[in-house]
Every structure is written in C-alpha cells, then in structure tokens.
Amino acid sequence: MAGRVDFDDESLWPLLLVRYVGTPSPEQQEEYQARLSACLRRGQKYVSIIDTRSFAGIPAAQRQRMAEFLREHEELFRQVTLGTCLLITSPMVRLVVSVVFHLKPMPTPYFIAPSMQAALDWVIGRLEAAGLTAEAARIRQHSERLVLGRTG
C-alpha cells in the first residue's frame, strides 16, 4: 500500500500532529524526519501526537533509520519535547513501535493511546503540567474537530 506522512498546518502549535498513512517510502520517512528536526531546532517546548491508525508499517531498514534519528537528536528531544503520544490501534503497529523503542528507547515521556480523545487528554495534561495552560486551553477548544478527524 502506497503511503505518506501528513503534518497538520501547525495552527495548534505547540501541538504537532502527524498522521502516517499506508507504508511511507524511505524518501517520505526522511522528509518526516527533516520536518521533525526543524521542529526540534525551533527550541520551543511542544507535544506531539503521531496518529498511526492508517499506518501499514515500514521495512526494517526504515525502523533502523528511525532509531538512528532518535539517537542523533536525543539531546534536542530532551530539551524541547514535553511528550510524544502514539495513537495506535493495530497490534502490528504496536509491535513495530516496540522494535524501534527496543533499538532506541524514547528520550522523553511517551504514551500509547487507543483513541484520539485519549491522546488529546494526555498531551493537554503534559502542556498544563509544563505551565502552558493557555496553549492547553486552545487545543482543548479544538478537540472535537480533532477527534472527528478534521485539522487545520
């Protein structure tokens, strides 16, 4: 299945919302990592939701590359990422994530969520715990459209 990696329009920053669809190509995976690297280099605290509900997996070489990316950017992740929520409904995708995290554990807090509502609750809690209450409230205001799958 052809794939892609979609980013939201960042209108809800400091929430970074990423959707994996199908099986992204190595080039699409590299583009995702380049965009994530740019977010890290902003130096602004943020949370992310990685939505894998339509994800079909990636080959072993891409899993290895993702682990390398985490290693290469570990210090930046620690400095600016308040947490990463992985929205996972597939046991196969859960296994893929487990393999990546076995190769390189997440350098920051993470949560595996079974639904978009659970994901939003977790990231909003992370923002509030970091004192970003206005940002958390803004995301909460948009939570219904996010749960329904409408972004931007």
C-alpha atoms as a PDB file:
ATOM      1  CA  MET A   1       0.000   0.000   0.000  1.00  0.00           C
ATOM      2  CA  ALA A   2       1.414   3.379  -1.032  1.00  0.00           C
ATOM      3  CA  GLY A   3       1.840   5.694   1.873  1.00  0.00           C
ATOM      4  CA  ARG A   4       2.555   9.155   3.113  1.00  0.00           C
ATOM      5  CA  VAL A   5       3.253  11.126   6.253  1.00  0.00           C
ATOM      6  CA  ASP A   6       0.942  14.115   6.781  1.00  0.00           C
ATOM      7  CA  PHE A   7       1.657  17.040   9.102  1.00  0.00           C
ATOM      8  CA  ASP A   8      -1.058  19.346  10.356  1.00  0.00           C
ATOM      9  CA  ASP A   9      -0.810  23.014   9.459  1.00  0.00           C
ATOM     10  CA  GLU A  10       0.697  23.760  12.893  1.00  0.00           C
ATOM     11  CA  SER A  11      -2.194  26.097  13.727  1.00  0.00           C
ATOM     12  CA  LEU A  12      -2.345  24.374  17.124  1.00  0.00           C
ATOM     13  CA  TRP A  13       1.389  24.667  17.895  1.00  0.00           C
ATOM     14  CA  PRO A  14       2.783  23.645  20.389  1.00  0.00           C
ATOM     15  CA  LEU A  15       0.839  20.539  19.348  1.00  0.00           C
ATOM     16  CA  LEU A  16       2.481  18.794  16.422  1.00  0.00           C
ATOM     17  CA  LEU A  17       0.039  16.368  14.806  1.00  0.00           C
ATOM     18  CA  VAL A  18       1.444  13.801  12.377  1.00  0.00           C
ATOM     19  CA  ARG A  19      -0.524  11.136  10.509  1.00  0.00           C
ATOM     20  CA  TYR A  20       1.058   8.050   8.998  1.00  0.00           C
ATOM     21  CA  VAL A  21      -0.945   6.565   6.110  1.00  0.00           C
ATOM     22  CA  GLY A  22      -0.117   3.245   4.463  1.00  0.00           C
ATOM     23  CA  THR A  23       3.579   2.436   4.123  1.00  0.00           C
ATOM     24  CA  PRO A  24       5.630   5.588   3.606  1.00  0.00           C
ATOM     25  CA  SER A  25       8.566   5.330   1.217  1.00  0.00           C
ATOM     26  CA  PRO A  26      12.106   5.824   2.511  1.00  0.00           C
ATOM     27  CA  GLU A  27      12.011   9.310   0.965  1.00  0.00           C
ATOM     28  CA  GLN A  28       8.770  10.147   2.778  1.00  0.00           C
ATOM     29  CA  GLN A  29      10.247   8.871   6.035  1.00  0.00           C
ATOM     30  CA  GLU A  30      13.320  11.071   5.520  1.00  0.00           C
ATOM     31  CA  GLU A  31      11.051  14.062   4.809  1.00  0.00           C
ATOM     32  CA  TYR A  32       9.197  13.348   8.072  1.00  0.00           C
ATOM     33  CA  GLN A  33      12.488  13.257   9.935  1.00  0.00           C
ATOM     34  CA  ALA A  34      13.628  16.511   8.296  1.00  0.00           C
ATOM     35  CA  ARG A  35      10.406  18.262   9.334  1.00  0.00           C
ATOM     36  CA  LEU A  36      10.636  16.858  12.844  1.00  0.00           C
ATOM     37  CA  SER A  37      14.245  18.012  13.046  1.00  0.00           C
ATOM     38  CA  ALA A  38      13.136  21.532  12.061  1.00  0.00           C
ATOM     39  CA  CYS A  39      10.542  21.486  14.855  1.00  0.00           C
ATOM     40  CA  LEU A  40      13.200  20.414  17.340  1.00  0.00           C
ATOM     41  CA  ARG A  41      15.573  23.168  16.213  1.00  0.00           C
ATOM     42  CA  ARG A  42      12.918  25.833  16.913  1.00  0.00           C
ATOM     43  CA  GLY A  43      13.851  25.421  20.534  1.00  0.00           C
ATOM     44  CA  GLN A  44      10.209  25.766  21.650  1.00  0.00           C
ATOM     45  CA  LYS A  45       8.582  23.302  24.033  1.00  0.00           C
ATOM     46  CA  TYR A  46       5.981  21.151  22.293  1.00  0.00           C
ATOM     47  CA  VAL A  47       3.975  17.932  22.428  1.00  0.00           C
ATOM     48  CA  SER A  48       3.143  15.630  19.561  1.00  0.00           C
ATOM     49  CA  ILE A  49       0.538  13.114  18.530  1.00  0.00           C
ATOM     50  CA  ILE A  50       1.603  10.559  15.965  1.00  0.00           C
ATOM     51  CA  ASP A  51      -1.555   9.039  14.515  1.00  0.00           C
ATOM     52  CA  THR A  52      -0.898   5.543  13.179  1.00  0.00           C
ATOM     53  CA  ARG A  53      -4.496   4.404  12.721  1.00  0.00           C
ATOM     54  CA  SER A  54      -3.985   4.168   8.935  1.00  0.00           C
ATOM     55  CA  PHE A  55      -0.348   3.069   9.109  1.00  0.00           C
ATOM     56  CA  ALA A  56       0.648  -0.205   7.428  1.00  0.00           C
ATOM     57  CA  GLY A  57       4.206  -0.406   8.780  1.00  0.00           C
ATOM     58  CA  ILE A  58       7.714   0.244   7.472  1.00  0.00           C
ATOM     59  CA  PRO A  59      10.544  -2.053   6.427  1.00  0.00           C
ATOM     60  CA  ALA A  60      13.332  -2.970   8.840  1.00  0.00           C
ATOM     61  CA  ALA A  61      15.781  -0.515   7.247  1.00  0.00           C
ATOM     62  CA  GLN A  62      13.386   2.370   7.917  1.00  0.00           C
ATOM     63  CA  ARG A  63      12.839   1.223  11.512  1.00  0.00           C
ATOM     64  CA  GLN A  64      16.619   1.203  11.957  1.00  0.00           C
ATOM     65  CA  ARG A  65      16.866   4.687  10.437  1.00  0.00           C
ATOM     66  CA  MET A  66      14.196   5.960  12.861  1.00  0.00           C
ATOM     67  CA  ALA A  67      16.188   4.557  15.788  1.00  0.00           C
ATOM     68  CA  GLU A  68      19.311   6.310  14.415  1.00  0.00           C
ATOM     69  CA  PHE A  69      17.352   9.564  14.117  1.00  0.00           C
ATOM     70  CA  LEU A  70      16.293   9.296  17.769  1.00  0.00           C
ATOM     71  CA  ARG A  71      19.928   8.731  18.777  1.00  0.00           C
ATOM     72  CA  GLU A  72      21.186  11.635  16.641  1.00  0.00           C
ATOM     73  CA  HIS A  73      18.625  14.075  18.060  1.00  0.00           C
ATOM     74  CA  GLU A  74      18.356  12.755  21.612  1.00  0.00           C
ATOM     75  CA  GLU A  75      19.577  15.930  23.298  1.00  0.00           C
ATOM     76  CA  LEU A  76      17.192  18.156  21.311  1.00  0.00           C
ATOM     77  CA  PHE A  77      14.295  15.826  22.132  1.00  0.00           C
ATOM     78  CA  ARG A  78      15.148  16.069  25.826  1.00  0.00           C
ATOM     79  CA  GLN A  79      15.337  19.877  25.677  1.00  0.00           C
ATOM     80  CA  VAL A  80      12.100  20.698  23.842  1.00  0.00           C
ATOM     81  CA  THR A  81       9.740  17.713  23.698  1.00  0.00           C
ATOM     82  CA  LEU A  82       7.277  17.628  26.583  1.00  0.00           C
ATOM     83  CA  GLY A  83       5.945  14.300  25.376  1.00  0.00           C
ATOM     84  CA  THR A  84       5.005  12.183  22.386  1.00  0.00           C
ATOM     85  CA  CYS A  85       1.701  10.388  22.162  1.00  0.00           C
ATOM     86  CA  LEU A  86       1.443   7.484  19.748  1.00  0.00           C
ATOM     87  CA  LEU A  87      -2.135   6.823  18.668  1.00  0.00           C
ATOM     88  CA  ILE A  88      -2.041   3.090  17.967  1.00  0.00           C
ATOM     89  CA  THR A  89      -4.986   0.787  17.351  1.00  0.00           C
ATOM     90  CA  SER A  90      -3.178  -2.021  15.492  1.00  0.00           C
ATOM     91  CA  PRO A  91      -1.280  -4.816  17.284  1.00  0.00           C
ATOM     92  CA  MET A  92       1.118  -4.971  14.309  1.00  0.00           C
ATOM     93  CA  VAL A  93       1.935  -1.272  14.582  1.00  0.00           C
ATOM     94  CA  ARG A  94       2.365  -1.672  18.334  1.00  0.00           C
ATOM     95  CA  LEU A  95       4.950  -4.370  17.566  1.00  0.00           C
ATOM     96  CA  VAL A  96       6.788  -2.081  15.102  1.00  0.00           C
ATOM     97  CA  VAL A  97       6.927   0.675  17.726  1.00  0.00           C
ATOM     98  CA  SER A  98       8.181  -1.806  20.311  1.00  0.00           C
ATOM     99  CA  VAL A  99      11.007  -2.827  17.958  1.00  0.00           C
ATOM    100  CA  VAL A 100      12.040   0.804  17.360  1.00  0.00           C
ATOM    101  CA  PHE A 101      11.943   1.577  21.088  1.00  0.00           C
ATOM    102  CA  HIS A 102      13.939  -1.598  21.774  1.00  0.00           C
ATOM    103  CA  LEU A 103      16.613  -0.350  19.367  1.00  0.00           C
ATOM    104  CA  LYS A 104      16.493   3.126  20.907  1.00  0.00           C
ATOM    105  CA  PRO A 105      14.232   3.955  23.851  1.00  0.00           C
ATOM    106  CA  MET A 106      12.361   7.263  23.661  1.00  0.00           C
ATOM    107  CA  PRO A 107      14.416  10.043  25.267  1.00  0.00           C
ATOM    108  CA  THR A 108      11.268  11.801  26.520  1.00  0.00           C
ATOM    109  CA  PRO A 109       7.930  10.822  28.060  1.00  0.00           C
ATOM    110  CA  TYR A 110       5.569   8.967  25.756  1.00  0.00           C
ATOM    111  CA  PHE A 111       2.133   7.444  25.906  1.00  0.00           C
ATOM    112  CA  ILE A 112       0.419   4.839  23.717  1.00  0.00           C
ATOM    113  CA  ALA A 113      -3.187   5.981  23.246  1.00  0.00           C
ATOM    114  CA  PRO A 114      -6.073   3.846  21.943  1.00  0.00           C
ATOM    115  CA  SER A 115      -8.100   6.845  20.704  1.00  0.00           C
ATOM    116  CA  MET A 116      -7.696  10.461  19.624  1.00  0.00           C
ATOM    117  CA  GLN A 117      -9.573  11.592  22.728  1.00  0.00           C
ATOM    118  CA  ALA A 118      -7.130   9.719  24.975  1.00  0.00           C
ATOM    119  CA  ALA A 119      -4.219  11.192  23.001  1.00  0.00           C
ATOM    120  CA  LEU A 120      -5.559  14.720  23.373  1.00  0.00           C
ATOM    121  CA  ASP A 121      -6.204  14.262  27.089  1.00  0.00           C
ATOM    122  CA  TRP A 122      -2.591  13.148  27.570  1.00  0.00           C
ATOM    123  CA  VAL A 123      -0.937  15.948  25.555  1.00  0.00           C
ATOM    124  CA  ILE A 124      -3.171  18.592  27.167  1.00  0.00           C
ATOM    125  CA  GLY A 125      -2.118  17.250  30.564  1.00  0.00           C
ATOM    126  CA  ARG A 126       1.550  17.461  29.548  1.00  0.00           C
ATOM    127  CA  LEU A 127       1.121  21.090  28.450  1.00  0.00           C
ATOM    128  CA  GLU A 128      -0.692  22.015  31.671  1.00  0.00           C
ATOM    129  CA  ALA A 129       1.983  20.318  33.776  1.00  0.00           C
ATOM    130  CA  ALA A 130       4.601  22.446  31.996  1.00  0.00           C
ATOM    131  CA  GLY A 131       2.661  25.638  32.735  1.00  0.00           C
ATOM    132  CA  LEU A 132       1.427  26.109  29.148  1.00  0.00           C
ATOM    133  CA  THR A 133      -2.183  26.466  30.255  1.00  0.00           C
ATOM    134  CA  ALA A 134      -3.279  28.927  27.541  1.00  0.00           C
ATOM    135  CA  GLU A 135      -1.944  26.606  24.854  1.00  0.00           C
ATOM    136  CA  ALA A 136      -3.644  23.626  26.507  1.00  0.00           C
ATOM    137  CA  ALA A 137      -6.949  25.516  26.624  1.00  0.00           C
ATOM    138  CA  ARG A 138      -6.666  26.424  22.929  1.00  0.00           C
ATOM    139  CA  ILE A 139      -6.098  22.794  21.983  1.00  0.00           C
ATOM    140  CA  ARG A 140      -8.980  21.722  24.231  1.00  0.00           C
ATOM    141  CA  GLN A 141     -11.243  24.156  22.322  1.00  0.00           C
ATOM    142  CA  HIS A 142     -10.366  22.346  19.080  1.00  0.00           C
ATOM    143  CA  SER A 143     -10.504  18.820  20.480  1.00  0.00           C
ATOM    144  CA  GLU A 144     -13.894  17.957  18.977  1.00  0.00           C
ATOM    145  CA  ARG A 145     -12.748  18.622  15.412  1.00  0.00           C
ATOM    146  CA  LEU A 146      -9.533  16.707  16.061  1.00  0.00           C
ATOM    147  CA  VAL A 147     -11.446  13.721  17.434  1.00  0.00           C
ATOM    148  CA  LEU A 148     -13.632  13.850  14.308  1.00  0.00           C
ATOM    149  CA  GLY A 149     -10.519  13.920  12.130  1.00  0.00           C
ATOM    150  CA  ARG A 150     -10.690  17.498  10.893  1.00  0.00           C
ATOM    151  CA  THR A 151      -7.461  19.500  11.194  1.00  0.00           C
ATOM    152  CA  GLY A 152      -6.209  22.882  10.057  1.00  0.00           C
END
